[in-house]
Protein backbone atom coordinates (compact mmCIF):
# COMPACT_ATOMS: atom_id res chain seq x y z
CA UNK A 1 -6.75 -23.91 -9.98
CA UNK A 2 -7.86 -20.44 -8.91
CA UNK A 3 -10.18 -21.96 -6.31
CA UNK A 4 -7.40 -23.95 -4.65
CA UNK A 5 -5.08 -20.93 -4.65
CA UNK A 6 -7.78 -18.86 -2.93
CA UNK A 7 -8.62 -21.46 -0.27
CA UNK A 8 -4.98 -21.75 0.71
CA UNK A 9 -4.92 -18.15 1.87
CA UNK A 10 -8.26 -17.71 3.66
CA UNK A 11 -6.74 -17.72 7.14
CA UNK A 12 -4.30 -14.85 6.75
CA UNK A 13 -5.39 -11.96 4.54
CA UNK A 14 -2.72 -9.25 4.59
CA UNK A 15 -4.23 -6.58 2.35
CA UNK A 16 -7.58 -5.34 1.05
CA UNK A 17 -8.33 -2.81 -1.67
CA UNK A 18 -11.61 -0.93 -1.12
CA UNK A 19 -14.22 0.08 -3.66
CA UNK A 20 -17.85 1.20 -3.48
CA UNK A 21 -17.50 4.30 -1.28
CA UNK A 22 -19.81 7.25 -1.92
CA UNK A 23 -18.53 10.45 -3.59
CA UNK A 24 -17.88 12.17 -0.27
CA UNK A 25 -15.54 9.34 0.72
CA UNK A 26 -14.27 8.85 -2.83
CA UNK A 27 -10.62 8.93 -1.75
CA UNK A 28 -11.21 5.48 -0.23
CA UNK A 29 -11.92 3.91 -3.61
CA UNK A 30 -8.85 2.02 -4.80
CA UNK A 31 -7.11 2.58 -1.45
CA UNK A 32 -5.08 -0.44 -0.23
CA UNK A 33 -5.36 -1.36 3.46
CA UNK A 34 -2.45 -3.38 4.85
CA UNK A 35 -2.63 -5.60 7.94
CA UNK A 36 -0.87 -4.05 10.95
CA UNK A 37 -1.53 -6.67 13.61
CA UNK A 38 -4.38 -7.78 15.88
CA UNK A 39 -6.49 -6.09 18.54
CA UNK A 40 -7.31 -7.52 21.97
CA UNK A 41 -10.27 -9.46 20.54
CA UNK A 42 -7.90 -11.28 18.17
CA UNK A 43 -9.34 -9.53 15.12
CA UNK A 44 -6.89 -8.16 12.55
CA UNK A 45 -6.74 -4.44 11.87
CA UNK A 46 -5.60 -2.62 8.74
CA UNK A 47 -4.11 0.75 7.87
CA UNK A 48 -4.38 2.49 4.52
CA UNK A 49 -1.19 3.16 2.61
CA UNK A 50 -0.29 6.87 2.66
CA UNK A 51 -3.32 7.93 4.71
CA UNK A 52 -4.63 7.82 8.27
CA UNK A 53 -7.53 5.48 7.54
CA UNK A 54 -8.15 2.23 9.41
CA UNK A 55 -10.36 -0.85 9.14
CA UNK A 56 -10.84 -2.68 12.44
CA UNK A 57 -13.31 -4.65 14.54
CA UNK A 58 -14.94 -2.97 17.56
CA UNK A 59 -16.90 -5.32 19.88
CA UNK A 60 -18.79 -2.35 21.35
CA UNK A 61 -18.38 1.27 20.32
CA UNK A 62 -20.66 2.28 23.28
CA UNK A 63 -23.99 1.04 21.89
CA UNK A 64 -23.47 -2.70 22.53
CA UNK A 65 -23.35 -3.69 18.84
CA UNK A 66 -20.20 -5.44 17.49
CA UNK A 67 -19.10 -4.25 14.06
CA UNK A 68 -16.33 -3.66 11.55
CA UNK A 69 -15.57 0.01 11.04
CA UNK A 70 -13.66 2.35 8.75
CA UNK A 71 -12.19 5.15 10.84
CA UNK A 72 -9.68 8.01 10.79
CA UNK A 73 -8.47 7.04 14.26
CA UNK A 74 -5.98 4.26 14.95
CA UNK A 75 -7.55 1.58 17.19
CA UNK A 76 -6.10 0.95 20.65
CA UNK A 77 -5.05 -2.69 20.50
CA UNK A 78 -5.23 -3.01 24.30
CA UNK A 79 -8.86 -1.91 24.72
CA UNK A 80 -11.82 -4.28 24.94
CA UNK A 81 -14.31 -1.84 23.42
CA UNK A 82 -14.59 1.69 21.97
CA UNK A 83 -11.21 1.13 20.37
CA UNK A 84 -10.85 4.72 19.12
CA UNK A 85 -11.61 6.05 22.61
CA UNK A 86 -14.01 8.79 21.51
CA UNK A 87 -16.95 7.58 23.62
CA UNK A 88 -19.15 7.64 20.51
CA UNK A 89 -20.01 5.48 17.53
CA UNK A 90 -18.73 7.94 14.95
CA UNK A 91 -16.98 6.43 11.94
CA UNK A 92 -16.56 6.85 8.20
CA UNK A 93 -18.33 3.53 7.72
CA UNK A 94 -19.56 0.53 9.68
CA UNK A 95 -21.15 -2.87 9.20
CA UNK A 96 -22.59 -4.97 12.04
CA UNK A 97 -20.88 -8.35 12.40
CA UNK A 98 -19.92 -11.04 14.89
CA UNK A 99 -17.21 -12.49 12.66
CA UNK A 100 -13.87 -11.30 14.03
CA UNK A 101 -11.70 -13.22 11.54
CA UNK A 102 -11.90 -10.64 8.74
CA UNK A 103 -14.12 -7.81 7.46
CA UNK A 104 -16.83 -8.80 4.97
CA UNK A 105 -15.50 -8.77 1.43
CA UNK A 106 -18.78 -7.64 -0.17
CA UNK A 107 -21.52 -6.15 2.00
CA UNK A 108 -23.81 -3.18 2.56
CA UNK A 109 -22.04 -0.68 4.84
CA UNK A 110 -23.51 2.36 6.56
CA UNK A 111 -21.29 5.24 5.36
CA UNK A 112 -21.01 8.95 6.18
CA UNK A 113 -21.78 10.63 2.87
CA UNK A 114 -23.24 13.84 1.42
CA UNK A 115 -24.29 16.63 3.81
CA UNK A 116 -23.13 14.62 6.80
CA UNK A 117 -25.84 11.99 6.34
CA UNK A 118 -25.31 8.23 6.61
CA UNK A 119 -26.40 6.08 3.68
CA UNK A 120 -26.07 2.46 2.63
CA UNK A 121 -23.18 1.69 0.27
CA UNK A 122 -22.27 -1.68 -1.22
CA UNK A 123 -18.58 -1.92 -0.33
CA UNK A 124 -16.19 -4.47 -1.81
CA UNK A 125 -12.90 -5.33 -0.10
CA UNK A 126 -10.72 -7.10 -2.64
CA UNK A 127 -8.29 -9.32 -0.79
CA UNK A 128 -4.68 -9.54 -1.95
CA UNK A 129 -4.03 -13.00 -0.57
CA UNK A 130 -0.98 -13.80 -2.65
CA UNK A 131 1.09 -11.57 -4.88
CA UNK A 132 3.86 -12.88 -7.11
CA UNK A 133 6.27 -10.38 -8.71
CA UNK A 134 8.24 -11.49 -11.76
CA UNK A 135 11.16 -9.57 -13.22
CA UNK A 136 10.98 -9.16 -16.99
CA UNK A 137 13.28 -7.06 -19.17
CA UNK A 138 15.30 -4.34 -17.45
CA UNK A 139 12.96 -1.71 -16.03
CA UNK A 140 9.80 -3.83 -16.11
CA UNK A 141 7.96 -6.13 -13.71
CA UNK A 142 4.95 -8.40 -13.94
CA UNK A 143 2.73 -8.94 -10.89
CA UNK A 144 0.01 -11.59 -10.50
CA UNK A 145 -2.38 -11.32 -7.54
CA UNK A 146 -4.96 -13.94 -6.52
CA UNK A 147 -7.64 -12.80 -4.08
CA UNK A 148 -10.11 -14.55 -1.79
CA UNK A 149 -12.90 -12.98 -3.85
CA UNK A 150 -11.92 -15.21 -6.77
CA UNK A 151 -10.28 -12.37 -8.71
CA UNK A 152 -6.92 -12.62 -10.41
CA UNK A 153 -5.03 -9.53 -11.53
CA UNK A 154 -1.90 -9.43 -13.66
CA UNK A 155 0.02 -6.20 -14.23
CA UNK A 156 3.00 -5.64 -16.50
CA UNK A 157 4.43 -2.17 -16.14
CA UNK A 158 7.46 -0.33 -17.50
CA UNK A 159 9.50 1.39 -14.80
CA UNK A 160 10.61 4.84 -15.96
CA UNK A 161 13.09 7.21 -14.35
CA UNK A 162 11.61 9.35 -11.57
CA UNK A 163 12.07 13.03 -10.69
CA UNK A 164 11.73 13.77 -6.96
CA UNK A 165 10.22 16.95 -5.49
CA UNK A 166 8.53 18.03 -2.26
CA UNK A 167 11.30 17.42 0.29
CA UNK A 168 11.42 19.73 3.32
CA UNK A 169 13.95 22.57 3.54
CA UNK A 170 16.34 20.45 5.60
CA UNK A 171 16.47 17.89 2.78
CA UNK A 172 16.13 20.38 -0.09
CA UNK A 173 19.19 18.94 -1.86
CA UNK A 174 17.00 15.95 -2.79
CA UNK A 175 14.57 18.08 -4.78
CA UNK A 176 15.05 17.81 -8.51
CA UNK A 177 17.11 14.62 -8.38
CA UNK A 178 16.36 12.11 -11.12
CA UNK A 179 16.38 8.45 -10.10
CA UNK A 180 17.03 5.68 -12.64
CA UNK A 181 16.37 1.97 -12.23
CA UNK A 182 19.76 0.34 -11.66
CA UNK A 183 18.81 -3.06 -10.24
CA UNK A 184 16.02 -5.26 -8.93
CA UNK A 185 15.56 -6.23 -5.27
CA UNK A 186 14.99 -9.79 -4.08
CA UNK A 187 11.21 -9.15 -3.87
CA UNK A 188 11.11 -8.12 -7.54
CA UNK A 189 10.76 -4.38 -6.88
CA UNK A 190 13.00 -1.86 -8.69
CA UNK A 191 16.00 -0.21 -7.04
CA UNK A 192 16.56 3.41 -8.08
CA UNK A 193 19.75 5.46 -7.90
CA UNK A 194 19.97 9.24 -8.30
CA UNK A 195 22.07 10.51 -11.16
CA UNK A 196 25.48 11.71 -10.00
CA UNK A 197 24.99 11.21 -6.24
CA UNK A 198 24.67 8.31 -3.78
CA UNK A 199 20.96 8.52 -3.09
CA UNK A 200 18.59 5.57 -3.51
CA UNK A 201 14.89 4.66 -3.50
CA UNK A 202 14.03 1.05 -2.77
CA UNK A 203 11.46 -1.23 -1.13
CA UNK A 204 12.33 -2.89 2.20
CA UNK A 205 10.11 -5.58 3.79
CA UNK A 206 11.69 -5.01 7.23
CA UNK A 207 14.09 -2.09 7.62
CA UNK A 208 16.00 -3.36 10.68
CA UNK A 209 15.76 -7.11 10.08
CA UNK A 210 14.88 -7.76 13.73
CA UNK A 211 11.85 -9.06 15.59
CA UNK A 212 9.15 -7.91 15.78
CA UNK A 213 8.96 -7.40 12.02
CA UNK A 214 8.36 -3.76 11.13
CA UNK A 215 5.93 -2.80 8.39
CA UNK A 216 7.19 -2.94 4.81
CA UNK A 217 7.98 0.43 3.27
CA UNK A 218 9.53 2.38 0.44
CA UNK A 219 12.75 4.03 1.57
CA UNK A 220 14.70 7.11 0.46
CA UNK A 221 18.26 6.52 1.63
CA UNK A 222 21.91 7.47 1.02
CA UNK A 223 23.10 3.89 1.55
CA UNK A 224 23.27 1.48 -1.38
CA UNK A 225 20.74 -1.36 -0.91
CA UNK A 226 21.47 -5.04 -1.46
CA UNK A 227 19.77 -6.68 -4.43
CA UNK A 228 19.84 -10.10 -2.72
CA UNK A 229 18.83 -9.38 0.91
CA UNK A 230 15.18 -10.00 1.78
CA UNK A 231 15.13 -7.38 4.57
CA UNK A 232 17.28 -4.56 6.01
CA UNK A 233 18.56 -3.90 2.51
CA UNK A 234 21.11 -1.30 3.62
CA UNK A 235 22.49 -3.71 6.26
CA UNK A 236 22.67 -1.18 9.11
CA UNK A 237 20.36 -3.08 11.49
CA UNK A 238 18.36 0.11 11.95
CA UNK A 239 15.49 2.00 10.36
CA UNK A 240 17.65 5.02 9.50
CA UNK A 241 17.12 6.94 6.24
CA UNK A 242 15.93 10.26 4.79
CA UNK A 243 12.27 9.26 4.43
CA UNK A 244 9.91 6.29 4.31
CA UNK A 245 6.44 5.37 3.10
CA UNK A 246 4.46 2.43 4.53
CA UNK A 247 3.71 -0.15 1.86
CA UNK A 248 2.34 -3.60 1.09
CA UNK A 249 4.88 -6.43 1.66
CA UNK A 250 5.41 -7.48 -1.97
CA UNK A 251 4.39 -6.88 -5.57
CA UNK A 252 5.68 -3.44 -6.49
CA UNK A 253 6.44 -1.98 -9.90
CA UNK A 254 7.33 1.51 -8.55
CA UNK A 255 6.72 3.86 -5.60
CA UNK A 256 3.56 6.00 -5.85
CA UNK A 257 3.70 9.12 -8.03
CA UNK A 258 2.40 11.27 -5.19
CA UNK A 259 2.11 10.35 -1.50
CA UNK A 260 2.65 11.58 2.04
CA UNK A 261 6.04 10.29 3.23
CA UNK A 262 7.53 10.53 6.69
CA UNK A 263 10.79 12.52 6.42
CA UNK A 264 13.45 13.52 8.94
CA UNK A 265 13.71 17.30 8.74
CA UNK A 266 16.29 18.17 11.38
CA UNK A 267 16.35 18.30 15.18
CA UNK A 268 13.85 21.17 15.39
CA UNK A 269 11.18 19.48 13.26
CA UNK A 270 12.07 15.80 13.65
CA UNK A 271 10.07 13.32 11.57
CA UNK A 272 7.21 15.08 9.77
CA UNK A 273 4.80 14.17 6.94
CA UNK A 274 5.78 15.66 3.56
CA UNK A 275 4.10 15.34 0.19
CA UNK A 276 6.68 13.84 -2.16
CA UNK A 277 6.11 13.54 -5.89
CA UNK A 278 7.97 11.06 -8.08
CA UNK A 279 7.09 11.96 -11.63
CA UNK A 280 8.13 9.80 -14.57
CA UNK A 281 10.67 11.38 -16.91
CA UNK A 282 12.47 10.31 -20.07
CA UNK A 283 15.10 7.79 -19.22
CA UNK A 284 13.75 4.31 -19.84
CA UNK A 285 13.64 2.11 -22.93
CA UNK A 286 10.70 2.00 -25.28
CA UNK A 287 8.06 -0.12 -23.59
CA UNK A 288 4.42 -1.08 -23.69
CA UNK A 289 2.34 -1.06 -20.52
CA UNK A 290 -0.46 -3.60 -20.36
CA UNK A 291 -2.80 -4.00 -17.42
CA UNK A 292 -5.16 -6.97 -17.45
CA UNK A 293 -7.72 -7.56 -14.73
CA UNK A 294 -10.13 -10.50 -14.82
CA UNK A 295 -12.88 -11.47 -12.44
CA UNK A 296 -14.89 -14.66 -12.25
CA UNK A 297 -17.77 -14.71 -9.80
CA UNK A 298 -20.93 -16.82 -10.04
CA UNK A 299 -19.88 -17.98 -13.50
CA UNK A 300 -19.57 -14.44 -14.89
CA UNK A 301 -16.25 -13.49 -16.43
CA UNK A 302 -15.27 -9.89 -16.93
CA UNK A 303 -12.04 -8.84 -18.56
CA UNK A 304 -10.76 -5.31 -18.77
CA UNK A 305 -7.65 -4.59 -20.77
CA UNK A 306 -5.96 -1.21 -20.76
CA UNK A 307 -3.03 -0.66 -23.05
CA UNK A 308 -0.83 2.40 -23.26
CA UNK A 309 2.34 2.87 -25.26
CA UNK A 310 5.19 4.65 -23.52
CA UNK A 311 8.01 5.86 -25.72
CA UNK A 312 11.13 7.34 -24.13
CA UNK A 313 14.73 8.08 -25.05
CA UNK A 314 17.51 6.35 -23.09
CA UNK A 315 19.50 8.88 -21.10
CA UNK A 316 22.75 8.37 -19.21
CA UNK A 317 23.78 9.91 -15.88
């Protein structure tokens, strides 16, 4: 049952998706936060995908009140208090709490909103406790997620070809390449290959395959990835590639259409953030995209179904 599936994952939430932020902080709505590790208090802390936003527990930000916070600063995991080290209690949002096991999943938060004023916002953190990807026909995946909040989400999405742009000057040869789905990785995510050249986009749960486990990420690489390996898909024992984007561990239908990747741009610049776009282009089979989300809380069932028809012509490299 849904209840038993939820209870089995209470102890180790790995991702939350936030909603309920005010307009000023609207970029937080729908933003996934992935577990990075634990702070000195033993509380987990989370980083947003593709943004410098963090959710963590601070036992004392300098006013003696323990709380969960949303912040732009990464917490220092070796500090006992004032984890962002600013000597102040300045955050995007905060909620007082003595529960260090996880942030509240539905609660009133104090949030920095319009005109620099703090106001109360009812924030929901939807927990992705377990995500199961299933490979369907070529170029499509189905993902079912069960959360602690008692919400199940199933997504079936066609995976179209992607056109890449936004690479730095050092990697300008990547701009304009079109990547087609050529295989599926062991975690169910698509593997893309550029037309005419050995360049790949794929998802890797651990890019070097060694302990400690590195964060999962999308990778832009010139090495062909394995479709059967569960980590270090290019088999080099290193985290070496053109660019990467931190990601949730599993359950991916495609990399984001627009995000800030970390890219190696030569000795002078090193690794720098770049805004890469991966826009869908004609190149996949005719498909129907269906997204179904259902929620059942306190006996109330809500079902939202969004259906869009995607028609494309099959192209060959």
